[in-house]
Amino acid sequence: MTENIVKTLVWVIIGLVYLISVKYENSVVFLNVGQGDATLIQHGTTQILVDGGPDMSILYELPKYVPIYDRKIEYVILTHSHDDHLIGLLEVLKYYSVDTIFYYPGCNKNENYEYLLQKYHNLKEVSAGDTIRLGDIDMNIIWPVKGEDYGVCYKPFDGDINNDSIVVDFEYLGKKFLLMSDVETPAEEVILQGGLIGSNYDTLKGGHHCSNSSSSKIFLERVSPSLVICSVGEGNSFGHPGSETVQRFKSLNVQYLVTYEEGNIQIK
């Protein structure tokens, strides 16, 4: 047996021991999945997964928090149909059993989204005013407000699929969380005007990867987060997180963390 093979076997054994030793922890984890979004909420032996990122990366991150013998994720939330939120979920659905997939049927579609709709029959529509309950966690859907019914989908808010993204807030672990998906300033303004969100959030998942088109000053002042998470891939071509948004964080003395710098960000 060559030295390289021995080294490989040693690392495989170390990896297996590590994965087998993973224990459940009540936590919210912003997973480092590159240029995309994926958030794991774990309560005891049950999980809610919000989005899945742009590729298979999530399959390497989940086993760090979900023991390898647990092949069930109770709830999945697809915030919208862009591939950087969806493709990873399609990978998860290949390897994990999922009770319910929550989604908002906006009219903007693509090939992968059509595949999800056709292949899986455990989908459930949600919109503003709905609540997803799992154990002690109530995840409140605060956006989008249901548009005009076109029969198979709802009229877009403004033609930008980002602004039809599902936004959720919830309290867990004695903290308040607000996940903004890819919502941008036009929808932020309507959310604020409608009084759909609260303030003094402990953690905000910044809208649209903390781009310059999200997290306006008036929005940040109203939400007043203690911490903002920017789910971003290193060297991405979009310039995320946006320099103007980062400057807004700094001017308001808001701490922010970037996933490609920090790796997975676990709050417990």
C-alpha atoms as a PDB file:
ATOM      1  CA  MET A   1       0.000   0.000   0.000  1.00  0.00           C
ATOM      2  CA  THR A   2       1.544   3.303  -1.085  1.00  0.00           C
ATOM      3  CA  GLU A   3       2.068   6.239   1.259  1.00  0.00           C
ATOM      4  CA  ASN A   4      -0.493   8.356  -0.638  1.00  0.00           C
ATOM      5  CA  ILE A   5      -3.184   5.684  -0.279  1.00  0.00           C
ATOM      6  CA  VAL A   6      -2.486   5.406   3.446  1.00  0.00           C
ATOM      7  CA  LYS A   7      -2.780   9.170   3.856  1.00  0.00           C
ATOM      8  CA  THR A   8      -6.049   9.186   1.917  1.00  0.00           C
ATOM      9  CA  LEU A   9      -7.487   6.384   4.088  1.00  0.00           C
ATOM     10  CA  VAL A  10      -6.464   8.224   7.249  1.00  0.00           C
ATOM     11  CA  TRP A  11      -8.254  11.383   6.127  1.00  0.00           C
ATOM     12  CA  VAL A  12     -11.345   9.395   5.121  1.00  0.00           C
ATOM     13  CA  ILE A  13     -11.442   7.768   8.563  1.00  0.00           C
ATOM     14  CA  ILE A  14     -10.967  11.132  10.287  1.00  0.00           C
ATOM     15  CA  GLY A  15     -13.789  12.586   8.163  1.00  0.00           C
ATOM     16  CA  LEU A  16     -16.142   9.708   8.987  1.00  0.00           C
ATOM     17  CA  VAL A  17     -15.402   9.960  12.702  1.00  0.00           C
ATOM     18  CA  TYR A  18     -16.110  13.682  12.563  1.00  0.00           C
ATOM     19  CA  LEU A  19     -19.412  13.247  10.725  1.00  0.00           C
ATOM     20  CA  ILE A  20     -20.568  10.455  13.014  1.00  0.00           C
ATOM     21  CA  SER A  21     -19.777  12.632  16.046  1.00  0.00           C
ATOM     22  CA  VAL A  22     -21.975  15.533  14.870  1.00  0.00           C
ATOM     23  CA  LYS A  23     -24.655  16.330  17.455  1.00  0.00           C
ATOM     24  CA  TYR A  24     -27.888  18.252  17.094  1.00  0.00           C
ATOM     25  CA  GLU A  25     -27.649  21.877  18.253  1.00  0.00           C
ATOM     26  CA  ASN A  26     -30.477  24.367  18.418  1.00  0.00           C
ATOM     27  CA  SER A  27     -29.177  27.050  16.107  1.00  0.00           C
ATOM     28  CA  VAL A  28     -29.581  29.172  13.000  1.00  0.00           C
ATOM     29  CA  VAL A  29     -26.776  28.648  10.498  1.00  0.00           C
ATOM     30  CA  PHE A  30     -26.082  30.864   7.502  1.00  0.00           C
ATOM     31  CA  LEU A  31     -24.319  28.366   5.280  1.00  0.00           C
ATOM     32  CA  ASN A  32     -21.338  29.305   3.147  1.00  0.00           C
ATOM     33  CA  VAL A  33     -22.525  28.058  -0.252  1.00  0.00           C
ATOM     34  CA  GLY A  34     -20.800  30.554  -2.521  1.00  0.00           C
ATOM     35  CA  GLN A  35     -22.759  33.166  -4.455  1.00  0.00           C
ATOM     36  CA  GLY A  36     -26.181  32.151  -3.203  1.00  0.00           C
ATOM     37  CA  ASP A  37     -28.342  31.739  -0.121  1.00  0.00           C
ATOM     38  CA  ALA A  38     -28.926  28.836   2.264  1.00  0.00           C
ATOM     39  CA  THR A  39     -30.033  29.091   5.890  1.00  0.00           C
ATOM     40  CA  LEU A  40     -30.538  26.135   8.230  1.00  0.00           C
ATOM     41  CA  ILE A  41     -32.798  26.466  11.264  1.00  0.00           C
ATOM     42  CA  GLN A  42     -32.401  23.502  13.590  1.00  0.00           C
ATOM     43  CA  HIS A  43     -34.708  22.764  16.535  1.00  0.00           C
ATOM     44  CA  GLY A  44     -33.908  19.523  18.278  1.00  0.00           C
ATOM     45  CA  THR A  45     -33.932  16.813  15.637  1.00  0.00           C
ATOM     46  CA  THR A  46     -35.997  18.841  13.178  1.00  0.00           C
ATOM     47  CA  GLN A  47     -34.895  21.312  10.526  1.00  0.00           C
ATOM     48  CA  ILE A  48     -36.121  24.106   8.301  1.00  0.00           C
ATOM     49  CA  LEU A  49     -33.936  24.890   5.290  1.00  0.00           C
ATOM     50  CA  VAL A  50     -34.416  28.239   3.586  1.00  0.00           C
ATOM     51  CA  ASP A  51     -32.964  28.097   0.049  1.00  0.00           C
ATOM     52  CA  GLY A  52     -30.096  25.884  -1.041  1.00  0.00           C
ATOM     53  CA  GLY A  53     -27.476  27.891  -2.888  1.00  0.00           C
ATOM     54  CA  PRO A  54     -26.263  27.629  -6.493  1.00  0.00           C
ATOM     55  CA  ASP A  55     -24.747  24.127  -6.626  1.00  0.00           C
ATOM     56  CA  MET A  56     -23.905  21.001  -4.614  1.00  0.00           C
ATOM     57  CA  SER A  57     -21.991  22.904  -1.919  1.00  0.00           C
ATOM     58  CA  ILE A  58     -24.869  22.554   0.514  1.00  0.00           C
ATOM     59  CA  LEU A  59     -24.473  18.770   0.544  1.00  0.00           C
ATOM     60  CA  TYR A  60     -21.036  19.261   2.090  1.00  0.00           C
ATOM     61  CA  GLU A  61     -22.231  21.828   4.632  1.00  0.00           C
ATOM     62  CA  LEU A  62     -25.407  20.196   5.980  1.00  0.00           C
ATOM     63  CA  PRO A  63     -23.628  17.147   7.480  1.00  0.00           C
ATOM     64  CA  LYS A  64     -21.635  19.513   9.705  1.00  0.00           C
ATOM     65  CA  TYR A  65     -24.879  20.221  11.601  1.00  0.00           C
ATOM     66  CA  VAL A  66     -27.280  17.414  10.688  1.00  0.00           C
ATOM     67  CA  PRO A  67     -26.004  13.934  11.662  1.00  0.00           C
ATOM     68  CA  ILE A  68     -25.424  11.701   8.631  1.00  0.00           C
ATOM     69  CA  TYR A  69     -28.048   9.220   9.825  1.00  0.00           C
ATOM     70  CA  ASP A  70     -30.726  11.937   9.722  1.00  0.00           C
ATOM     71  CA  ARG A  71     -31.919  11.909   6.125  1.00  0.00           C
ATOM     72  CA  LYS A  72     -35.037  13.990   6.719  1.00  0.00           C
ATOM     73  CA  ILE A  73     -35.520  17.750   6.579  1.00  0.00           C
ATOM     74  CA  GLU A  74     -38.994  18.608   7.744  1.00  0.00           C
ATOM     75  CA  TYR A  75     -39.549  21.889   5.894  1.00  0.00           C
ATOM     76  CA  VAL A  76     -37.915  23.613   2.954  1.00  0.00           C
ATOM     77  CA  ILE A  77     -38.643  27.193   1.918  1.00  0.00           C
ATOM     78  CA  LEU A  78     -37.783  28.279  -1.620  1.00  0.00           C
ATOM     79  CA  THR A  79     -37.819  32.069  -1.485  1.00  0.00           C
ATOM     80  CA  HIS A  80     -37.877  32.490  -5.265  1.00  0.00           C
ATOM     81  CA  SER A  81     -36.904  30.686  -8.439  1.00  0.00           C
ATOM     82  CA  HIS A  82     -33.440  32.102  -9.171  1.00  0.00           C
ATOM     83  CA  ASP A  83     -30.863  29.335  -9.570  1.00  0.00           C
ATOM     84  CA  ASP A  84     -28.573  30.654  -6.827  1.00  0.00           C
ATOM     85  CA  HIS A  85     -31.328  29.786  -4.350  1.00  0.00           C
ATOM     86  CA  LEU A  86     -32.876  26.794  -6.101  1.00  0.00           C
ATOM     87  CA  ILE A  87     -30.230  24.458  -7.546  1.00  0.00           C
ATOM     88  CA  GLY A  88     -28.875  23.445  -4.164  1.00  0.00           C
ATOM     89  CA  LEU A  89     -32.398  22.608  -3.003  1.00  0.00           C
ATOM     90  CA  LEU A  90     -32.827  20.292  -5.977  1.00  0.00           C
ATOM     91  CA  GLU A  91     -29.660  18.517  -4.829  1.00  0.00           C
ATOM     92  CA  VAL A  92     -31.000  18.294  -1.274  1.00  0.00           C
ATOM     93  CA  LEU A  93     -34.236  16.763  -2.537  1.00  0.00           C
ATOM     94  CA  LYS A  94     -32.247  13.948  -4.161  1.00  0.00           C
ATOM     95  CA  TYR A  95     -30.660  12.869  -0.891  1.00  0.00           C
ATOM     96  CA  TYR A  96     -33.058  13.943   1.853  1.00  0.00           C
ATOM     97  CA  SER A  97     -36.718  13.280   2.515  1.00  0.00           C
ATOM     98  CA  VAL A  98     -38.652  16.550   2.820  1.00  0.00           C
ATOM     99  CA  ASP A  99     -42.158  16.821   4.262  1.00  0.00           C
ATOM    100  CA  THR A 100     -43.187  20.154   2.722  1.00  0.00           C
ATOM    101  CA  ILE A 101     -41.700  22.618   0.250  1.00  0.00           C
ATOM    102  CA  PHE A 102     -43.093  26.119   0.795  1.00  0.00           C
ATOM    103  CA  TYR A 103     -42.990  28.569  -2.095  1.00  0.00           C
ATOM    104  CA  TYR A 104     -44.689  31.603  -3.605  1.00  0.00           C
ATOM    105  CA  PRO A 105     -45.947  30.967  -7.159  1.00  0.00           C
ATOM    106  CA  GLY A 106     -44.648  34.038  -8.926  1.00  0.00           C
ATOM    107  CA  CYS A 107     -44.930  34.135 -12.707  1.00  0.00           C
ATOM    108  CA  ASN A 108     -41.215  34.289 -13.393  1.00  0.00           C
ATOM    109  CA  LYS A 109     -40.036  30.782 -14.228  1.00  0.00           C
ATOM    110  CA  ASN A 110     -37.002  28.942 -15.511  1.00  0.00           C
ATOM    111  CA  GLU A 111     -36.117  25.386 -16.457  1.00  0.00           C
ATOM    112  CA  ASN A 112     -35.066  24.282 -12.977  1.00  0.00           C
ATOM    113  CA  TYR A 113     -38.129  25.856 -11.370  1.00  0.00           C
ATOM    114  CA  GLU A 114     -40.413  24.121 -13.875  1.00  0.00           C
ATOM    115  CA  TYR A 115     -38.693  20.837 -13.021  1.00  0.00           C
ATOM    116  CA  LEU A 116     -39.381  21.390  -9.309  1.00  0.00           C
ATOM    117  CA  LEU A 117     -43.062  22.121  -9.948  1.00  0.00           C
ATOM    118  CA  GLN A 118     -43.512  19.075 -12.158  1.00  0.00           C
ATOM    119  CA  LYS A 119     -41.531  16.514 -10.178  1.00  0.00           C
ATOM    120  CA  TYR A 120     -42.494  17.281  -6.578  1.00  0.00           C
ATOM    121  CA  HIS A 121     -46.037  17.243  -5.251  1.00  0.00           C
ATOM    122  CA  ASN A 122     -45.401  18.242  -1.657  1.00  0.00           C
ATOM    123  CA  LEU A 123     -45.354  21.953  -2.462  1.00  0.00           C
ATOM    124  CA  LYS A 124     -47.467  24.426  -0.506  1.00  0.00           C
ATOM    125  CA  GLU A 125     -48.098  28.051  -1.435  1.00  0.00           C
ATOM    126  CA  VAL A 126     -47.462  30.788   1.114  1.00  0.00           C
ATOM    127  CA  SER A 127     -47.698  34.565   1.067  1.00  0.00           C
ATOM    128  CA  ALA A 128     -47.833  37.501   3.472  1.00  0.00           C
ATOM    129  CA  GLY A 129     -49.863  36.700   6.577  1.00  0.00           C
ATOM    130  CA  ASP A 130     -49.104  32.968   6.613  1.00  0.00           C
ATOM    131  CA  THR A 131     -47.162  31.275   9.404  1.00  0.00           C
ATOM    132  CA  ILE A 132     -45.010  28.158   9.149  1.00  0.00           C
ATOM    133  CA  ARG A 133     -44.880  26.382  12.496  1.00  0.00           C
ATOM    134  CA  LEU A 134     -42.284  23.842  13.536  1.00  0.00           C
ATOM    135  CA  GLY A 135     -42.011  23.017  17.218  1.00  0.00           C
ATOM    136  CA  ASP A 136     -41.438  26.246  19.124  1.00  0.00           C
ATOM    137  CA  ILE A 137     -40.680  28.224  15.969  1.00  0.00           C
ATOM    138  CA  ASP A 138     -43.268  30.371  14.187  1.00  0.00           C
ATOM    139  CA  MET A 139     -41.891  31.619  10.884  1.00  0.00           C
ATOM    140  CA  ASN A 140     -44.009  34.573   9.798  1.00  0.00           C
ATOM    141  CA  ILE A 141     -44.287  35.259   6.086  1.00  0.00           C
ATOM    142  CA  ILE A 142     -44.315  39.021   5.732  1.00  0.00           C
ATOM    143  CA  TRP A 143     -43.752  39.304   1.970  1.00  0.00           C
ATOM    144  CA  PRO A 144     -44.839  39.035  -0.820  1.00  0.00           C
ATOM    145  CA  VAL A 145     -48.428  40.187  -0.644  1.00  0.00           C
ATOM    146  CA  LYS A 146     -50.385  37.977  -3.006  1.00  0.00           C
ATOM    147  CA  GLY A 147     -50.764  39.570  -6.431  1.00  0.00           C
ATOM    148  CA  GLU A 148     -53.568  39.211  -8.956  1.00  0.00           C
ATOM    149  CA  ASP A 149     -54.275  35.537  -9.648  1.00  0.00           C
ATOM    150  CA  TYR A 150     -53.340  34.591 -13.220  1.00  0.00           C
ATOM    151  CA  GLY A 151     -54.499  31.006 -12.736  1.00  0.00           C
ATOM    152  CA  VAL A 152     -51.113  29.293 -12.494  1.00  0.00           C
ATOM    153  CA  CYS A 153     -49.188  32.150 -10.886  1.00  0.00           C
ATOM    154  CA  TYR A 154     -49.571  35.561  -9.301  1.00  0.00           C
ATOM    155  CA  LYS A 155     -48.928  38.893 -10.955  1.00  0.00           C
ATOM    156  CA  PRO A 156     -45.383  40.075 -10.210  1.00  0.00           C
ATOM    157  CA  PHE A 157     -44.906  42.985  -7.832  1.00  0.00           C
ATOM    158  CA  ASP A 158     -42.868  45.058 -10.284  1.00  0.00           C
ATOM    159  CA  GLY A 159     -41.570  42.599 -12.886  1.00  0.00           C
ATOM    160  CA  ASP A 160     -38.372  41.951 -10.929  1.00  0.00           C
ATOM    161  CA  ILE A 161     -38.437  38.426  -9.523  1.00  0.00           C
ATOM    162  CA  ASN A 162     -36.175  39.523  -6.668  1.00  0.00           C
ATOM    163  CA  ASN A 163     -39.037  41.606  -5.327  1.00  0.00           C
ATOM    164  CA  ASP A 164     -41.340  38.581  -5.254  1.00  0.00           C
ATOM    165  CA  SER A 165     -38.970  36.804  -2.861  1.00  0.00           C
ATOM    166  CA  ILE A 166     -40.374  35.331   0.338  1.00  0.00           C
ATOM    167  CA  VAL A 167     -39.367  37.330   3.415  1.00  0.00           C
ATOM    168  CA  VAL A 168     -39.670  35.716   6.838  1.00  0.00           C
ATOM    169  CA  ASP A 169     -39.163  36.803  10.397  1.00  0.00           C
ATOM    170  CA  PHE A 170     -39.146  34.671  13.519  1.00  0.00           C
ATOM    171  CA  GLU A 171     -38.026  34.556  17.120  1.00  0.00           C
ATOM    172  CA  TYR A 172     -35.801  31.706  18.230  1.00  0.00           C
ATOM    173  CA  LEU A 173     -33.112  31.179  20.852  1.00  0.00           C
ATOM    174  CA  GLY A 174     -34.251  34.401  22.489  1.00  0.00           C
ATOM    175  CA  LYS A 175     -33.364  36.360  19.358  1.00  0.00           C
ATOM    176  CA  LYS A 176     -35.241  38.024  16.484  1.00  0.00           C
ATOM    177  CA  PHE A 177     -34.327  37.091  12.917  1.00  0.00           C
ATOM    178  CA  LEU A 178     -35.311  38.692   9.609  1.00  0.00           C
ATOM    179  CA  LEU A 179     -34.428  36.935   6.333  1.00  0.00           C
ATOM    180  CA  MET A 180     -34.805  39.261   3.350  1.00  0.00           C
ATOM    181  CA  SER A 181     -33.897  36.858   0.524  1.00  0.00           C
ATOM    182  CA  ASP A 182     -33.255  38.962  -2.630  1.00  0.00           C
ATOM    183  CA  VAL A 183     -35.746  41.757  -1.913  1.00  0.00           C
ATOM    184  CA  GLU A 184     -34.599  45.175  -3.109  1.00  0.00           C
ATOM    185  CA  THR A 185     -35.455  48.783  -2.256  1.00  0.00           C
ATOM    186  CA  PRO A 186     -38.859  49.056  -4.064  1.00  0.00           C
ATOM    187  CA  ALA A 187     -40.281  46.152  -2.057  1.00  0.00           C
ATOM    188  CA  GLU A 188     -38.512  47.304   1.109  1.00  0.00           C
ATOM    189  CA  GLU A 189     -40.382  50.593   0.833  1.00  0.00           C
ATOM    190  CA  VAL A 190     -43.772  48.885   0.556  1.00  0.00           C
ATOM    191  CA  ILE A 191     -42.931  46.574   3.458  1.00  0.00           C
ATOM    192  CA  LEU A 192     -42.072  49.595   5.585  1.00  0.00           C
ATOM    193  CA  GLN A 193     -45.118  51.601   4.519  1.00  0.00           C
ATOM    194  CA  GLY A 194     -47.386  48.664   5.305  1.00  0.00           C
ATOM    195  CA  GLY A 195     -45.915  48.211   8.767  1.00  0.00           C
ATOM    196  CA  LEU A 196     -45.206  44.578   7.936  1.00  0.00           C
ATOM    197  CA  ILE A 197     -42.008  44.284   9.972  1.00  0.00           C
ATOM    198  CA  GLY A 198     -40.865  45.152  13.442  1.00  0.00           C
ATOM    199  CA  SER A 199     -37.599  46.628  14.686  1.00  0.00           C
ATOM    200  CA  ASN A 200     -34.609  45.802  16.849  1.00  0.00           C
ATOM    201  CA  TYR A 201     -33.800  42.560  15.075  1.00  0.00           C
ATOM    202  CA  ASP A 202     -30.814  40.682  16.409  1.00  0.00           C
ATOM    203  CA  THR A 203     -29.899  39.273  12.999  1.00  0.00           C
ATOM    204  CA  LEU A 204     -30.786  40.451   9.498  1.00  0.00           C
ATOM    205  CA  LYS A 205     -29.950  38.332   6.440  1.00  0.00           C
ATOM    206  CA  GLY A 206     -29.240  41.234   4.114  1.00  0.00           C
ATOM    207  CA  GLY A 207     -31.339  41.499   0.968  1.00  0.00           C
ATOM    208  CA  HIS A 208     -29.871  40.405  -2.378  1.00  0.00           C
ATOM    209  CA  HIS A 209     -26.476  39.435  -0.979  1.00  0.00           C
ATOM    210  CA  CYS A 210     -26.072  42.919   0.529  1.00  0.00           C
ATOM    211  CA  SER A 211     -26.079  44.532  -2.909  1.00  0.00           C
ATOM    212  CA  ASN A 212     -26.299  48.296  -3.374  1.00  0.00           C
ATOM    213  CA  SER A 213     -29.915  47.855  -4.487  1.00  0.00           C
ATOM    214  CA  SER A 214     -31.022  46.594  -1.058  1.00  0.00           C
ATOM    215  CA  SER A 215     -30.755  47.544   2.622  1.00  0.00           C
ATOM    216  CA  SER A 216     -31.537  51.228   2.166  1.00  0.00           C
ATOM    217  CA  LYS A 217     -30.709  53.616   4.996  1.00  0.00           C
ATOM    218  CA  ILE A 218     -34.357  54.124   5.961  1.00  0.00           C
ATOM    219  CA  PHE A 219     -34.882  50.365   5.963  1.00  0.00           C
ATOM    220  CA  LEU A 220     -31.857  49.739   8.184  1.00  0.00           C
ATOM    221  CA  GLU A 221     -32.917  52.513  10.549  1.00  0.00           C
ATOM    222  CA  ARG A 222     -36.362  50.942  10.919  1.00  0.00           C
ATOM    223  CA  VAL A 223     -35.150  47.357  11.283  1.00  0.00           C
ATOM    224  CA  SER A 224     -32.201  48.436  13.475  1.00  0.00           C
ATOM    225  CA  PRO A 225     -30.337  45.110  13.331  1.00  0.00           C
ATOM    226  CA  SER A 226     -27.494  44.243  15.671  1.00  0.00           C
ATOM    227  CA  LEU A 227     -25.909  42.015  13.026  1.00  0.00           C
ATOM    228  CA  VAL A 228     -26.245  41.693   9.251  1.00  0.00           C
ATOM    229  CA  ILE A 229     -25.283  38.530   7.369  1.00  0.00           C
ATOM    230  CA  CYS A 230     -24.148  38.933   3.761  1.00  0.00           C
ATOM    231  CA  SER A 231     -24.404  35.615   1.911  1.00  0.00           C
ATOM    232  CA  VAL A 232     -21.807  36.127  -0.790  1.00  0.00           C
ATOM    233  CA  GLY A 233     -19.340  34.177  -2.932  1.00  0.00           C
ATOM    234  CA  GLU A 234     -15.720  35.281  -3.022  1.00  0.00           C
ATOM    235  CA  GLY A 235     -14.711  37.186  -6.158  1.00  0.00           C
ATOM    236  CA  ASN A 236     -18.280  37.248  -7.487  1.00  0.00           C
ATOM    237  CA  SER A 237     -18.892  39.221 -10.678  1.00  0.00           C
ATOM    238  CA  PHE A 238     -21.697  41.311  -9.140  1.00  0.00           C
ATOM    239  CA  GLY A 239     -19.549  43.254  -6.703  1.00  0.00           C
ATOM    240  CA  HIS A 240     -21.415  41.898  -3.676  1.00  0.00           C
ATOM    241  CA  PRO A 241     -21.457  43.037  -0.968  1.00  0.00           C
ATOM    242  CA  GLY A 242     -22.036  46.454  -2.481  1.00  0.00           C
ATOM    243  CA  SER A 243     -19.633  49.175  -1.343  1.00  0.00           C
ATOM    244  CA  GLU A 244     -22.494  51.641  -0.782  1.00  0.00           C
ATOM    245  CA  THR A 245     -24.377  49.150   1.374  1.00  0.00           C
ATOM    246  CA  VAL A 246     -21.265  48.345   3.396  1.00  0.00           C
ATOM    247  CA  GLN A 247     -20.800  52.067   3.949  1.00  0.00           C
ATOM    248  CA  ARG A 248     -24.398  52.295   5.204  1.00  0.00           C
ATOM    249  CA  PHE A 249     -23.682  49.508   7.698  1.00  0.00           C
ATOM    250  CA  LYS A 250     -20.611  51.358   8.921  1.00  0.00           C
ATOM    251  CA  SER A 251     -22.337  54.741   9.149  1.00  0.00           C
ATOM    252  CA  LEU A 252     -25.104  53.210  11.267  1.00  0.00           C
ATOM    253  CA  ASN A 253     -22.591  51.269  13.370  1.00  0.00           C
ATOM    254  CA  VAL A 254     -24.096  47.934  12.320  1.00  0.00           C
ATOM    255  CA  GLN A 255     -21.858  44.881  12.487  1.00  0.00           C
ATOM    256  CA  TYR A 256     -21.835  42.800   9.302  1.00  0.00           C
ATOM    257  CA  LEU A 257     -20.353  39.407   8.462  1.00  0.00           C
ATOM    258  CA  VAL A 258     -19.661  37.970   5.006  1.00  0.00           C
ATOM    259  CA  THR A 259     -19.970  34.220   4.481  1.00  0.00           C
ATOM    260  CA  TYR A 260     -16.979  33.826   2.168  1.00  0.00           C
ATOM    261  CA  GLU A 261     -14.810  35.438   4.850  1.00  0.00           C
ATOM    262  CA  GLU A 262     -16.315  33.747   7.905  1.00  0.00           C
ATOM    263  CA  GLY A 263     -17.464  30.418   6.477  1.00  0.00           C
ATOM    264  CA  ASN A 264     -20.659  29.067   7.996  1.00  0.00           C
ATOM    265  CA  ILE A 265     -22.063  31.517  10.531  1.00  0.00           C
ATOM    266  CA  GLN A 266     -23.823  29.721  13.375  1.00  0.00           C
ATOM    267  CA  ILE A 267     -25.988  31.549  15.884  1.00  0.00           C
ATOM    268  CA  LYS A 268     -27.050  29.588  18.949  1.00  0.00           C
END
